[in-house]
Amino acid sequence: RPEGKGARFLCGVSPPADQDPDCRDNDDLDVVQCDLFDEVVWPALYERCEAFGNGKQVACWAGFYDYNTVDQNGIIGPHPDVPNLILCNGFSGHGLQQAPAAGRAVAELVAD
């Protein structure tokens, strides 16, 4: 998506599973694989839109993805051990996109 002045775009990719370090806290995020932009992200952008042909990386960072490990999707529903707690989490960057449907699902659960 466009971000800030100067037509900067925010994009990203997860490293392949065999190259993805097992991070437990923020200190483990010191190793950022910035080369993934040139190797993976930029070719995909250029393939979809040649206007990205002159694009270059100006910064990179690493962060946690929040999802369940069963199918890597968000979690909506009652907590199995805590009464009256309904979960709506784990959308890992897709929260804004899925918020209307997720909100309605939670509202229906609460209303039942």
PDB file of N, CA and C in Angstrom:
ATOM      1  N   ARG A   1       0.852  -1.182   0.000  1.00  0.00           N
ATOM      2  CA  ARG A   1       0.000   0.000   0.000  1.00  0.00           C
ATOM      3  C   ARG A   1       0.888   1.232   0.000  1.00  0.00           C
ATOM      4  N   PRO A   2       0.445   2.337  -0.588  1.00  0.00           N
ATOM      5  CA  PRO A   2       1.254   3.557  -0.535  1.00  0.00           C
ATOM      6  C   PRO A   2       1.412   4.017   0.910  1.00  0.00           C
ATOM      7  N   GLU A   3       2.580   4.521   1.242  1.00  0.00           N
ATOM      8  CA  GLU A   3       2.856   4.924   2.611  1.00  0.00           C
ATOM      9  C   GLU A   3       3.661   6.217   2.602  1.00  0.00           C
ATOM     10  N   GLY A   4       3.074   7.311   3.067  1.00  0.00           N
ATOM     11  CA  GLY A   4       3.793   8.569   3.203  1.00  0.00           C
ATOM     12  C   GLY A   4       4.046   9.277   1.887  1.00  0.00           C
ATOM     13  N   LYS A   5       4.878  10.310   1.948  1.00  0.00           N
ATOM     14  CA  LYS A   5       5.203  11.105   0.763  1.00  0.00           C
ATOM     15  C   LYS A   5       6.242  10.385  -0.095  1.00  0.00           C
ATOM     16  N   GLY A   6       6.279  10.769  -1.353  1.00  0.00           N
ATOM     17  CA  GLY A   6       7.305  10.222  -2.234  1.00  0.00           C
ATOM     18  C   GLY A   6       6.973   8.864  -2.802  1.00  0.00           C
ATOM     19  N   ALA A   7       5.708   8.499  -2.820  1.00  0.00           N
ATOM     20  CA  ALA A   7       5.255   7.239  -3.415  1.00  0.00           C
ATOM     21  C   ALA A   7       5.998   6.025  -2.849  1.00  0.00           C
ATOM     22  N   ARG A   8       6.165   5.991  -1.543  1.00  0.00           N
ATOM     23  CA  ARG A   8       6.739   4.807  -0.905  1.00  0.00           C
ATOM     24  C   ARG A   8       5.639   3.781  -0.698  1.00  0.00           C
ATOM     25  N   PHE A   9       5.987   2.517  -0.819  1.00  0.00           N
ATOM     26  CA  PHE A   9       5.035   1.441  -0.631  1.00  0.00           C
ATOM     27  C   PHE A   9       5.516   0.522   0.475  1.00  0.00           C
ATOM     28  N   LEU A  10       4.582   0.045   1.264  1.00  0.00           N
ATOM     29  CA  LEU A  10       4.868  -0.882   2.344  1.00  0.00           C
ATOM     30  C   LEU A  10       4.488  -2.276   1.868  1.00  0.00           C
ATOM     31  N   CYS A  11       5.417  -3.203   1.911  1.00  0.00           N
ATOM     32  CA  CYS A  11       5.127  -4.572   1.480  1.00  0.00           C
ATOM     33  C   CYS A  11       6.029  -5.515   2.269  1.00  0.00           C
ATOM     34  N   GLY A  12       5.766  -6.787   2.177  1.00  0.00           N
ATOM     35  CA  GLY A  12       6.590  -7.723   2.933  1.00  0.00           C
ATOM     36  C   GLY A  12       6.348  -9.157   2.546  1.00  0.00           C
ATOM     37  N   VAL A  13       7.144 -10.015   3.130  1.00  0.00           N
ATOM     38  CA  VAL A  13       7.063 -11.441   2.850  1.00  0.00           C
ATOM     39  C   VAL A  13       7.676 -12.200   4.029  1.00  0.00           C
ATOM     40  N   SER A  14       7.177 -13.381   4.270  1.00  0.00           N
ATOM     41  CA  SER A  14       7.777 -14.252   5.284  1.00  0.00           C
ATOM     42  C   SER A  14       8.897 -15.056   4.640  1.00  0.00           C
ATOM     43  N   PRO A  15       9.964 -15.309   5.373  1.00  0.00           N
ATOM     44  CA  PRO A  15      11.038 -16.147   4.814  1.00  0.00           C
ATOM     45  C   PRO A  15      10.550 -17.589   4.688  1.00  0.00           C
ATOM     46  N   PRO A  16      11.198 -18.374   3.827  1.00  0.00           N
ATOM     47  CA  PRO A  16      10.849 -19.798   3.750  1.00  0.00           C
ATOM     48  C   PRO A  16      10.990 -20.441   5.131  1.00  0.00           C
ATOM     49  N   ALA A  17      10.188 -21.425   5.406  1.00  0.00           N
ATOM     50  CA  ALA A  17      10.151 -22.040   6.741  1.00  0.00           C
ATOM     51  C   ALA A  17      11.525 -22.512   7.208  1.00  0.00           C
ATOM     52  N   ASP A  18      12.335 -23.039   6.293  1.00  0.00           N
ATOM     53  CA  ASP A  18      13.646 -23.544   6.700  1.00  0.00           C
ATOM     54  C   ASP A  18      14.643 -22.423   6.987  1.00  0.00           C
ATOM     55  N   GLN A  19      14.296 -21.166   6.641  1.00  0.00           N
ATOM     56  CA  GLN A  19      15.174 -20.027   6.915  1.00  0.00           C
ATOM     57  C   GLN A  19      14.562 -19.066   7.932  1.00  0.00           C
ATOM     58  N   ASP A  20      13.429 -19.442   8.490  1.00  0.00           N
ATOM     59  CA  ASP A  20      12.718 -18.586   9.435  1.00  0.00           C
ATOM     60  C   ASP A  20      13.193 -18.904  10.850  1.00  0.00           C
ATOM     61  N   PRO A  21      13.885 -17.963  11.496  1.00  0.00           N
ATOM     62  CA  PRO A  21      14.397 -18.260  12.841  1.00  0.00           C
ATOM     63  C   PRO A  21      13.270 -18.428  13.853  1.00  0.00           C
ATOM     64  N   ASP A  22      13.513 -19.222  14.860  1.00  0.00           N
ATOM     65  CA  ASP A  22      12.542 -19.447  15.919  1.00  0.00           C
ATOM     66  C   ASP A  22      12.671 -18.323  16.941  1.00  0.00           C
ATOM     67  N   CYS A  23      11.824 -17.305  16.830  1.00  0.00           N
ATOM     68  CA  CYS A  23      11.902 -16.123  17.692  1.00  0.00           C
ATOM     69  C   CYS A  23      10.981 -16.290  18.896  1.00  0.00           C
ATOM     70  N   ARG A  24      11.477 -15.908  20.052  1.00  0.00           N
ATOM     71  CA  ARG A  24      10.686 -15.978  21.278  1.00  0.00           C
ATOM     72  C   ARG A  24      10.382 -14.589  21.852  1.00  0.00           C
ATOM     73  N   ASP A  25      11.194 -13.587  21.498  1.00  0.00           N
ATOM     74  CA  ASP A  25      10.950 -12.230  21.986  1.00  0.00           C
ATOM     75  C   ASP A  25      11.578 -11.232  21.008  1.00  0.00           C
ATOM     76  N   ASN A  26      11.432  -9.957  21.298  1.00  0.00           N
ATOM     77  CA  ASN A  26      11.907  -8.922  20.393  1.00  0.00           C
ATOM     78  C   ASN A  26      13.411  -8.962  20.164  1.00  0.00           C
ATOM     79  N   ASP A  27      14.175  -9.452  21.118  1.00  0.00           N
ATOM     80  CA  ASP A  27      15.625  -9.531  20.942  1.00  0.00           C
ATOM     81  C   ASP A  27      16.002 -10.469  19.799  1.00  0.00           C
ATOM     82  N   ASP A  28      15.147 -11.442  19.515  1.00  0.00           N
ATOM     83  CA  ASP A  28      15.423 -12.395  18.445  1.00  0.00           C
ATOM     84  C   ASP A  28      15.185 -11.803  17.059  1.00  0.00           C
ATOM     85  N   LEU A  29      14.627 -10.606  16.989  1.00  0.00           N
ATOM     86  CA  LEU A  29      14.316  -9.995  15.698  1.00  0.00           C
ATOM     87  C   LEU A  29      15.467  -9.157  15.155  1.00  0.00           C
ATOM     88  N   ASP A  30      16.638  -9.264  15.764  1.00  0.00           N
ATOM     89  CA  ASP A  30      17.783  -8.483  15.312  1.00  0.00           C
ATOM     90  C   ASP A  30      18.269  -8.906  13.928  1.00  0.00           C
ATOM     91  N   VAL A  31      18.012 -10.137  13.546  1.00  0.00           N
ATOM     92  CA  VAL A  31      18.430 -10.628  12.235  1.00  0.00           C
ATOM     93  C   VAL A  31      17.284 -10.405  11.259  1.00  0.00           C
ATOM     94  N   VAL A  32      17.476  -9.451  10.341  1.00  0.00           N
ATOM     95  CA  VAL A  32      16.460  -9.125   9.345  1.00  0.00           C
ATOM     96  C   VAL A  32      16.993  -9.543   7.983  1.00  0.00           C
ATOM     97  N   GLN A  33      16.221 -10.322   7.265  1.00  0.00           N
ATOM     98  CA  GLN A  33      16.643 -10.824   5.960  1.00  0.00           C
ATOM     99  C   GLN A  33      16.225  -9.832   4.869  1.00  0.00           C
ATOM    100  N   CYS A  34      16.942  -8.723   4.782  1.00  0.00           N
ATOM    101  CA  CYS A  34      16.597  -7.659   3.832  1.00  0.00           C
ATOM    102  C   CYS A  34      16.740  -8.101   2.380  1.00  0.00           C
ATOM    103  N   ASP A  35      17.551  -9.107   2.115  1.00  0.00           N
ATOM    104  CA  ASP A  35      17.733  -9.575   0.751  1.00  0.00           C
ATOM    105  C   ASP A  35      16.470 -10.205   0.169  1.00  0.00           C
ATOM    106  N   LEU A  36      15.485 -10.535   1.020  1.00  0.00           N
ATOM    107  CA  LEU A  36      14.233 -11.096   0.510  1.00  0.00           C
ATOM    108  C   LEU A  36      13.494 -10.114  -0.392  1.00  0.00           C
ATOM    109  N   PHE A  37      13.726  -8.806  -0.215  1.00  0.00           N
ATOM    110  CA  PHE A  37      13.078  -7.839  -1.097  1.00  0.00           C
ATOM    111  C   PHE A  37      13.554  -8.048  -2.529  1.00  0.00           C
ATOM    112  N   ASP A  38      14.867  -8.067  -2.741  1.00  0.00           N
ATOM    113  CA  ASP A  38      15.405  -8.234  -4.094  1.00  0.00           C
ATOM    114  C   ASP A  38      15.117  -9.612  -4.670  1.00  0.00           C
ATOM    115  N   GLU A  39      15.100 -10.617  -3.818  1.00  0.00           N
ATOM    116  CA  GLU A  39      14.942 -11.993  -4.288  1.00  0.00           C
ATOM    117  C   GLU A  39      13.489 -12.417  -4.488  1.00  0.00           C
ATOM    118  N   VAL A  40      12.573 -11.876  -3.665  1.00  0.00           N
ATOM    119  CA  VAL A  40      11.193 -12.359  -3.687  1.00  0.00           C
ATOM    120  C   VAL A  40      10.172 -11.251  -3.952  1.00  0.00           C
ATOM    121  N   VAL A  41      10.228 -10.184  -3.163  1.00  0.00           N
ATOM    122  CA  VAL A  41       9.196  -9.150  -3.229  1.00  0.00           C
ATOM    123  C   VAL A  41       9.260  -8.371  -4.535  1.00  0.00           C
ATOM    124  N   TRP A  42      10.433  -7.822  -4.860  1.00  0.00           N
ATOM    125  CA  TRP A  42      10.533  -6.988  -6.049  1.00  0.00           C
ATOM    126  C   TRP A  42      10.153  -7.730  -7.325  1.00  0.00           C
ATOM    127  N   PRO A  43      10.631  -8.961  -7.567  1.00  0.00           N
ATOM    128  CA  PRO A  43      10.206  -9.658  -8.784  1.00  0.00           C
ATOM    129  C   PRO A  43       8.685  -9.853  -8.853  1.00  0.00           C
ATOM    130  N   ALA A  44       8.052 -10.117  -7.717  1.00  0.00           N
ATOM    131  CA  ALA A  44       6.593 -10.291  -7.713  1.00  0.00           C
ATOM    132  C   ALA A  44       5.885  -8.979  -8.023  1.00  0.00           C
ATOM    133  N   LEU A  45       6.372  -7.877  -7.445  1.00  0.00           N
ATOM    134  CA  LEU A  45       5.783  -6.569  -7.736  1.00  0.00           C
ATOM    135  C   LEU A  45       5.937  -6.230  -9.214  1.00  0.00           C
ATOM    136  N   TYR A  46       7.128  -6.410  -9.749  1.00  0.00           N
ATOM    137  CA  TYR A  46       7.402  -6.068 -11.145  1.00  0.00           C
ATOM    138  C   TYR A  46       6.570  -6.925 -12.099  1.00  0.00           C
ATOM    139  N   GLU A  47       6.395  -8.187 -11.762  1.00  0.00           N
ATOM    140  CA  GLU A  47       5.595  -9.072 -12.613  1.00  0.00           C
ATOM    141  C   GLU A  47       4.146  -8.593 -12.701  1.00  0.00           C
ATOM    142  N   ARG A  48       3.636  -8.037 -11.602  1.00  0.00           N
ATOM    143  CA  ARG A  48       2.254  -7.562 -11.579  1.00  0.00           C
ATOM    144  C   ARG A  48       2.100  -6.165 -12.157  1.00  0.00           C
ATOM    145  N   CYS A  49       3.164  -5.346 -12.058  1.00  0.00           N
ATOM    146  CA  CYS A  49       3.065  -3.958 -12.506  1.00  0.00           C
ATOM    147  C   CYS A  49       4.465  -3.444 -12.867  1.00  0.00           C
ATOM    148  N   GLU A  50       4.710  -3.213 -14.151  1.00  0.00           N
ATOM    149  CA  GLU A  50       6.032  -2.785 -14.595  1.00  0.00           C
ATOM    150  C   GLU A  50       6.436  -1.427 -14.039  1.00  0.00           C
ATOM    151  N   ALA A  51       5.484  -0.656 -13.515  1.00  0.00           N
ATOM    152  CA  ALA A  51       5.812   0.633 -12.907  1.00  0.00           C
ATOM    153  C   ALA A  51       6.716   0.465 -11.693  1.00  0.00           C
ATOM    154  N   PHE A  52       6.774  -0.719 -11.130  1.00  0.00           N
ATOM    155  CA  PHE A  52       7.670  -0.992 -10.007  1.00  0.00           C
ATOM    156  C   PHE A  52       9.086  -1.326 -10.481  1.00  0.00           C
ATOM    157  N   GLY A  53       9.337  -1.204 -11.771  1.00  0.00           N
ATOM    158  CA  GLY A  53      10.639  -1.572 -12.330  1.00  0.00           C
ATOM    159  C   GLY A  53      11.804  -0.818 -11.724  1.00  0.00           C
ATOM    160  N   ASN A  54      11.615   0.424 -11.339  1.00  0.00           N
ATOM    161  CA  ASN A  54      12.687   1.218 -10.743  1.00  0.00           C
ATOM    162  C   ASN A  54      12.601   1.248  -9.217  1.00  0.00           C
ATOM    163  N   GLY A  55      11.742   0.428  -8.648  1.00  0.00           N
ATOM    164  CA  GLY A  55      11.573   0.416  -7.194  1.00  0.00           C
ATOM    165  C   GLY A  55      12.823  -0.058  -6.487  1.00  0.00           C
ATOM    166  N   LYS A  56      13.052   0.481  -5.316  1.00  0.00           N
ATOM    167  CA  LYS A  56      14.178   0.025  -4.514  1.00  0.00           C
ATOM    168  C   LYS A  56      13.777   0.017  -3.047  1.00  0.00           C
ATOM    169  N   GLN A  57      14.450  -0.776  -2.302  1.00  0.00           N
ATOM    170  CA  GLN A  57      14.203  -0.889  -0.864  1.00  0.00           C
ATOM    171  C   GLN A  57      14.895   0.265  -0.151  1.00  0.00           C
ATOM    172  N   VAL A  58      14.146   0.938   0.731  1.00  0.00           N
ATOM    173  CA  VAL A  58      14.750   2.024   1.503  1.00  0.00           C
ATOM    174  C   VAL A  58      14.858   1.678   2.984  1.00  0.00           C
ATOM    175  N   ALA A  59      14.165   0.655   3.435  1.00  0.00           N
ATOM    176  CA  ALA A  59      14.239   0.226   4.834  1.00  0.00           C
ATOM    177  C   ALA A  59      13.684  -1.192   4.935  1.00  0.00           C
ATOM    178  N   CYS A  60      14.025  -1.867   6.011  1.00  0.00           N
ATOM    179  CA  CYS A  60      13.446  -3.191   6.256  1.00  0.00           C
ATOM    180  C   CYS A  60      13.373  -3.418   7.757  1.00  0.00           C
ATOM    181  N   TRP A  61      12.492  -4.305   8.171  1.00  0.00           N
ATOM    182  CA  TRP A  61      12.326  -4.625   9.573  1.00  0.00           C
ATOM    183  C   TRP A  61      11.736  -6.022   9.686  1.00  0.00           C
ATOM    184  N   ALA A  62      11.769  -6.582  10.867  1.00  0.00           N
ATOM    185  CA  ALA A  62      11.176  -7.887  11.130  1.00  0.00           C
ATOM    186  C   ALA A  62      10.172  -7.738  12.254  1.00  0.00           C
ATOM    187  N   GLY A  63       9.133  -8.538  12.218  1.00  0.00           N
ATOM    188  CA  GLY A  63       8.114  -8.510  13.256  1.00  0.00           C
ATOM    189  C   GLY A  63       7.435  -9.854  13.367  1.00  0.00           C
ATOM    190  N   PHE A  64       6.616  -9.982  14.390  1.00  0.00           N
ATOM    191  CA  PHE A  64       5.913 -11.238  14.621  1.00  0.00           C
ATOM    192  C   PHE A  64       4.627 -11.307  13.818  1.00  0.00           C
ATOM    193  N   TYR A  65       4.286 -12.487  13.350  1.00  0.00           N
ATOM    194  CA  TYR A  65       2.986 -12.758  12.753  1.00  0.00           C
ATOM    195  C   TYR A  65       2.127 -13.370  13.852  1.00  0.00           C
ATOM    196  N   ASP A  66       0.924 -12.916  13.945  1.00  0.00           N
ATOM    197  CA  ASP A  66       0.009 -13.387  14.982  1.00  0.00           C
ATOM    198  C   ASP A  66      -1.051 -14.265  14.332  1.00  0.00           C
ATOM    199  N   TYR A  67      -0.938 -15.578  14.488  1.00  0.00           N
ATOM    200  CA  TYR A  67      -1.928 -16.498  13.935  1.00  0.00           C
ATOM    201  C   TYR A  67      -1.858 -17.815  14.691  1.00  0.00           C
ATOM    202  N   ASN A  68      -2.874 -18.635  14.471  1.00  0.00           N
ATOM    203  CA  ASN A  68      -2.831 -19.943  15.121  1.00  0.00           C
ATOM    204  C   ASN A  68      -1.980 -20.886  14.272  1.00  0.00           C
ATOM    205  N   THR A  69      -1.396 -21.868  14.890  1.00  0.00           N
ATOM    206  CA  THR A  69      -0.483 -22.762  14.188  1.00  0.00           C
ATOM    207  C   THR A  69      -1.179 -23.908  13.468  1.00  0.00           C
ATOM    208  N   VAL A  70      -2.495 -24.037  13.618  1.00  0.00           N
ATOM    209  CA  VAL A  70      -3.220 -25.110  12.937  1.00  0.00           C
ATOM    210  C   VAL A  70      -3.359 -24.794  11.456  1.00  0.00           C
ATOM    211  N   ASP A  71      -3.920 -23.607  11.130  1.00  0.00           N
ATOM    212  CA  ASP A  71      -4.129 -23.265   9.721  1.00  0.00           C
ATOM    213  C   ASP A  71      -3.725 -21.834   9.379  1.00  0.00           C
ATOM    214  N   GLN A  72      -3.069 -21.146  10.290  1.00  0.00           N
ATOM    215  CA  GLN A  72      -2.559 -19.787  10.102  1.00  0.00           C
ATOM    216  C   GLN A  72      -3.665 -18.769   9.819  1.00  0.00           C
ATOM    217  N   ASN A  73      -4.831 -18.983  10.353  1.00  0.00           N
ATOM    218  CA  ASN A  73      -5.938 -18.048  10.230  1.00  0.00           C
ATOM    219  C   ASN A  73      -6.286 -17.457  11.588  1.00  0.00           C
ATOM    220  N   GLY A  74      -7.116 -16.433  11.555  1.00  0.00           N
ATOM    221  CA  GLY A  74      -7.559 -15.808  12.795  1.00  0.00           C
ATOM    222  C   GLY A  74      -8.394 -16.759  13.645  1.00  0.00           C
ATOM    223  N   ILE A  75      -8.559 -16.386  14.897  1.00  0.00           N
ATOM    224  CA  ILE A  75      -9.333 -17.195  15.842  1.00  0.00           C
ATOM    225  C   ILE A  75     -10.529 -16.364  16.296  1.00  0.00           C
ATOM    226  N   ILE A  76     -11.715 -16.914  16.113  1.00  0.00           N
ATOM    227  CA  ILE A  76     -12.946 -16.270  16.585  1.00  0.00           C
ATOM    228  C   ILE A  76     -13.746 -17.325  17.323  1.00  0.00           C
ATOM    229  N   GLY A  77     -14.066 -17.039  18.589  1.00  0.00           N
ATOM    230  CA  GLY A  77     -14.879 -17.976  19.341  1.00  0.00           C
ATOM    231  C   GLY A  77     -14.590 -17.919  20.816  1.00  0.00           C
ATOM    232  N   PRO A  78     -15.347 -18.683  21.582  1.00  0.00           N
ATOM    233  CA  PRO A  78     -15.162 -18.675  23.031  1.00  0.00           C
ATOM    234  C   PRO A  78     -13.850 -19.333  23.437  1.00  0.00           C
ATOM    235  N   HIS A  79     -13.249 -18.801  24.484  1.00  0.00           N
ATOM    236  CA  HIS A  79     -12.033 -19.397  25.043  1.00  0.00           C
ATOM    237  C   HIS A  79     -12.415 -20.728  25.672  1.00  0.00           C
ATOM    238  N   PRO A  80     -11.613 -21.769  25.485  1.00  0.00           N
ATOM    239  CA  PRO A  80     -11.991 -23.090  26.009  1.00  0.00           C
ATOM    240  C   PRO A  80     -11.961 -23.204  27.530  1.00  0.00           C
ATOM    241  N   ASP A  81     -11.200 -22.343  28.213  1.00  0.00           N
ATOM    242  CA  ASP A  81     -11.051 -22.479  29.652  1.00  0.00           C
ATOM    243  C   ASP A  81     -11.572 -21.291  30.459  1.00  0.00           C
ATOM    244  N   VAL A  82     -11.809 -20.152  29.817  1.00  0.00           N
ATOM    245  CA  VAL A  82     -12.215 -18.948  30.537  1.00  0.00           C
ATOM    246  C   VAL A  82     -13.645 -18.588  30.150  1.00  0.00           C
ATOM    247  N   PRO A  83     -14.587 -18.733  31.065  1.00  0.00           N
ATOM    248  CA  PRO A  83     -15.982 -18.415  30.744  1.00  0.00           C
ATOM    249  C   PRO A  83     -16.151 -16.933  30.386  1.00  0.00           C
ATOM    250  N   ASN A  84     -17.067 -16.651  29.501  1.00  0.00           N
ATOM    251  CA  ASN A  84     -17.421 -15.290  29.089  1.00  0.00           C
ATOM    252  C   ASN A  84     -16.283 -14.528  28.408  1.00  0.00           C
ATOM    253  N   LEU A  85     -15.315 -15.231  27.851  1.00  0.00           N
ATOM    254  CA  LEU A  85     -14.247 -14.592  27.087  1.00  0.00           C
ATOM    255  C   LEU A  85     -14.343 -15.065  25.646  1.00  0.00           C
ATOM    256  N   ILE A  86     -14.611 -14.142  24.750  1.00  0.00           N
ATOM    257  CA  ILE A  86     -14.680 -14.467  23.323  1.00  0.00           C
ATOM    258  C   ILE A  86     -13.443 -13.900  22.646  1.00  0.00           C
ATOM    259  N   LEU A  87     -12.758 -14.744  21.921  1.00  0.00           N
ATOM    260  CA  LEU A  87     -11.528 -14.361  21.240  1.00  0.00           C
ATOM    261  C   LEU A  87     -11.819 -13.873  19.821  1.00  0.00           C
ATOM    262  N   CYS A  88     -11.078 -12.870  19.405  1.00  0.00           N
ATOM    263  CA  CYS A  88     -11.116 -12.379  18.031  1.00  0.00           C
ATOM    264  C   CYS A  88      -9.719 -11.828  17.757  1.00  0.00           C
ATOM    265  N   ASN A  89      -8.808 -12.704  17.390  1.00  0.00           N
ATOM    266  CA  ASN A  89      -7.405 -12.321  17.260  1.00  0.00           C
ATOM    267  C   ASN A  89      -6.694 -13.209  16.245  1.00  0.00           C
ATOM    268  N   GLY A  90      -5.448 -12.863  15.978  1.00  0.00           N
ATOM    269  CA  GLY A  90      -4.613 -13.695  15.119  1.00  0.00           C
ATOM    270  C   GLY A  90      -4.773 -13.428  13.639  1.00  0.00           C
ATOM    271  N   PHE A  91      -5.107 -12.211  13.255  1.00  0.00           N
ATOM    272  CA  PHE A  91      -5.325 -11.910  11.835  1.00  0.00           C
ATOM    273  C   PHE A  91      -4.048 -11.466  11.129  1.00  0.00           C
ATOM    274  N   SER A  92      -3.002 -11.224  11.858  1.00  0.00           N
ATOM    275  CA  SER A  92      -1.670 -10.943  11.348  1.00  0.00           C
ATOM    276  C   SER A  92      -1.643 -10.037  10.126  1.00  0.00           C
ATOM    277  N   GLY A  93      -2.060  -8.815  10.313  1.00  0.00           N
ATOM    278  CA  GLY A  93      -2.003  -7.856   9.229  1.00  0.00           C
ATOM    279  C   GLY A  93      -3.242  -7.803   8.365  1.00  0.00           C
ATOM    280  N   HIS A  94      -4.132  -8.753   8.514  1.00  0.00           N
ATOM    281  CA  HIS A  94      -5.372  -8.766   7.742  1.00  0.00           C
ATOM    282  C   HIS A  94      -6.556  -8.276   8.570  1.00  0.00           C
ATOM    283  N   GLY A  95      -6.284  -7.779   9.763  1.00  0.00           N
ATOM    284  CA  GLY A  95      -7.348  -7.380  10.679  1.00  0.00           C
ATOM    285  C   GLY A  95      -8.274  -6.337  10.105  1.00  0.00           C
ATOM    286  N   LEU A  96      -7.736  -5.288   9.496  1.00  0.00           N
ATOM    287  CA  LEU A  96      -8.575  -4.244   8.928  1.00  0.00           C
ATOM    288  C   LEU A  96      -9.426  -4.800   7.791  1.00  0.00           C
ATOM    289  N   GLN A  97      -8.845  -5.650   6.998  1.00  0.00           N
ATOM    290  CA  GLN A  97      -9.559  -6.260   5.872  1.00  0.00           C
ATOM    291  C   GLN A  97     -10.701  -7.151   6.363  1.00  0.00           C
ATOM    292  N   GLN A  98     -10.472  -7.882   7.412  1.00  0.00           N
ATOM    293  CA  GLN A  98     -11.458  -8.855   7.877  1.00  0.00           C
ATOM    294  C   GLN A  98     -12.289  -8.359   9.058  1.00  0.00           C
ATOM    295  N   ALA A  99     -12.026  -7.132   9.519  1.00  0.00           N
ATOM    296  CA  ALA A  99     -12.692  -6.604  10.707  1.00  0.00           C
ATOM    297  C   ALA A  99     -14.218  -6.573  10.606  1.00  0.00           C
ATOM    298  N   PRO A 100     -14.816  -6.150   9.494  1.00  0.00           N
ATOM    299  CA  PRO A 100     -16.285  -6.129   9.461  1.00  0.00           C
ATOM    300  C   PRO A 100     -16.913  -7.504   9.679  1.00  0.00           C
ATOM    301  N   ALA A 101     -16.393  -8.506   9.014  1.00  0.00           N
ATOM    302  CA  ALA A 101     -16.947  -9.862   9.170  1.00  0.00           C
ATOM    303  C   ALA A 101     -16.631 -10.422  10.556  1.00  0.00           C
ATOM    304  N   ALA A 102     -15.419 -10.186  11.038  1.00  0.00           N
ATOM    305  CA  ALA A 102     -15.035 -10.688  12.356  1.00  0.00           C
ATOM    306  C   ALA A 102     -15.871 -10.027  13.434  1.00  0.00           C
ATOM    307  N   GLY A 103     -16.081  -8.721  13.318  1.00  0.00           N
ATOM    308  CA  GLY A 103     -16.914  -8.004  14.283  1.00  0.00           C
ATOM    309  C   GLY A 103     -18.339  -8.532  14.305  1.00  0.00           C
ATOM    310  N   ARG A 104     -18.872  -8.803  13.126  1.00  0.00           N
ATOM    311  CA  ARG A 104     -20.245  -9.340  13.073  1.00  0.00           C
ATOM    312  C   ARG A 104     -20.289 -10.734  13.717  1.00  0.00           C
ATOM    313  N   ALA A 105     -19.278 -11.551  13.447  1.00  0.00           N
ATOM    314  CA  ALA A 105     -19.257 -12.890  14.037  1.00  0.00           C
ATOM    315  C   ALA A 105     -19.233 -12.806  15.566  1.00  0.00           C
ATOM    316  N   VAL A 106     -18.407 -11.915  16.114  1.00  0.00           N
ATOM    317  CA  VAL A 106     -18.328 -11.768  17.558  1.00  0.00           C
ATOM    318  C   VAL A 106     -19.652 -11.243  18.106  1.00  0.00           C
ATOM    319  N   ALA A 107     -20.260 -10.290  17.406  1.00  0.00           N
ATOM    320  CA  ALA A 107     -21.554  -9.753  17.856  1.00  0.00           C
ATOM    321  C   ALA A 107     -22.607 -10.851  17.902  1.00  0.00           C
ATOM    322  N   GLU A 108     -22.597 -11.732  16.916  1.00  0.00           N
ATOM    323  CA  GLU A 108     -23.560 -12.841  16.920  1.00  0.00           C
ATOM    324  C   GLU A 108     -23.290 -13.806  18.069  1.00  0.00           C
ATOM    325  N   LEU A 109     -22.002 -14.047  18.371  1.00  0.00           N
ATOM    326  CA  LEU A 109     -21.674 -14.915  19.497  1.00  0.00           C
ATOM    327  C   LEU A 109     -22.111 -14.298  20.822  1.00  0.00           C
ATOM    328  N   VAL A 110     -21.910 -13.006  20.960  1.00  0.00           N
ATOM    329  CA  VAL A 110     -22.280 -12.324  22.201  1.00  0.00           C
ATOM    330  C   VAL A 110     -23.795 -12.301  22.366  1.00  0.00           C
ATOM    331  N   ALA A 111     -24.511 -12.132  21.262  1.00  0.00           N
ATOM    332  CA  ALA A 111     -25.968 -12.025  21.317  1.00  0.00           C
ATOM    333  C   ALA A 111     -26.642 -13.367  21.591  1.00  0.00           C
ATOM    334  N   ASP A 112     -25.953 -14.459  21.350  1.00  0.00           N
ATOM    335  CA  ASP A 112     -26.556 -15.785  21.585  1.00  0.00           C
ATOM    336  C   ASP A 112     -26.718 -16.084  23.061  1.00  0.00           C
TER     337      ASP A 112
END
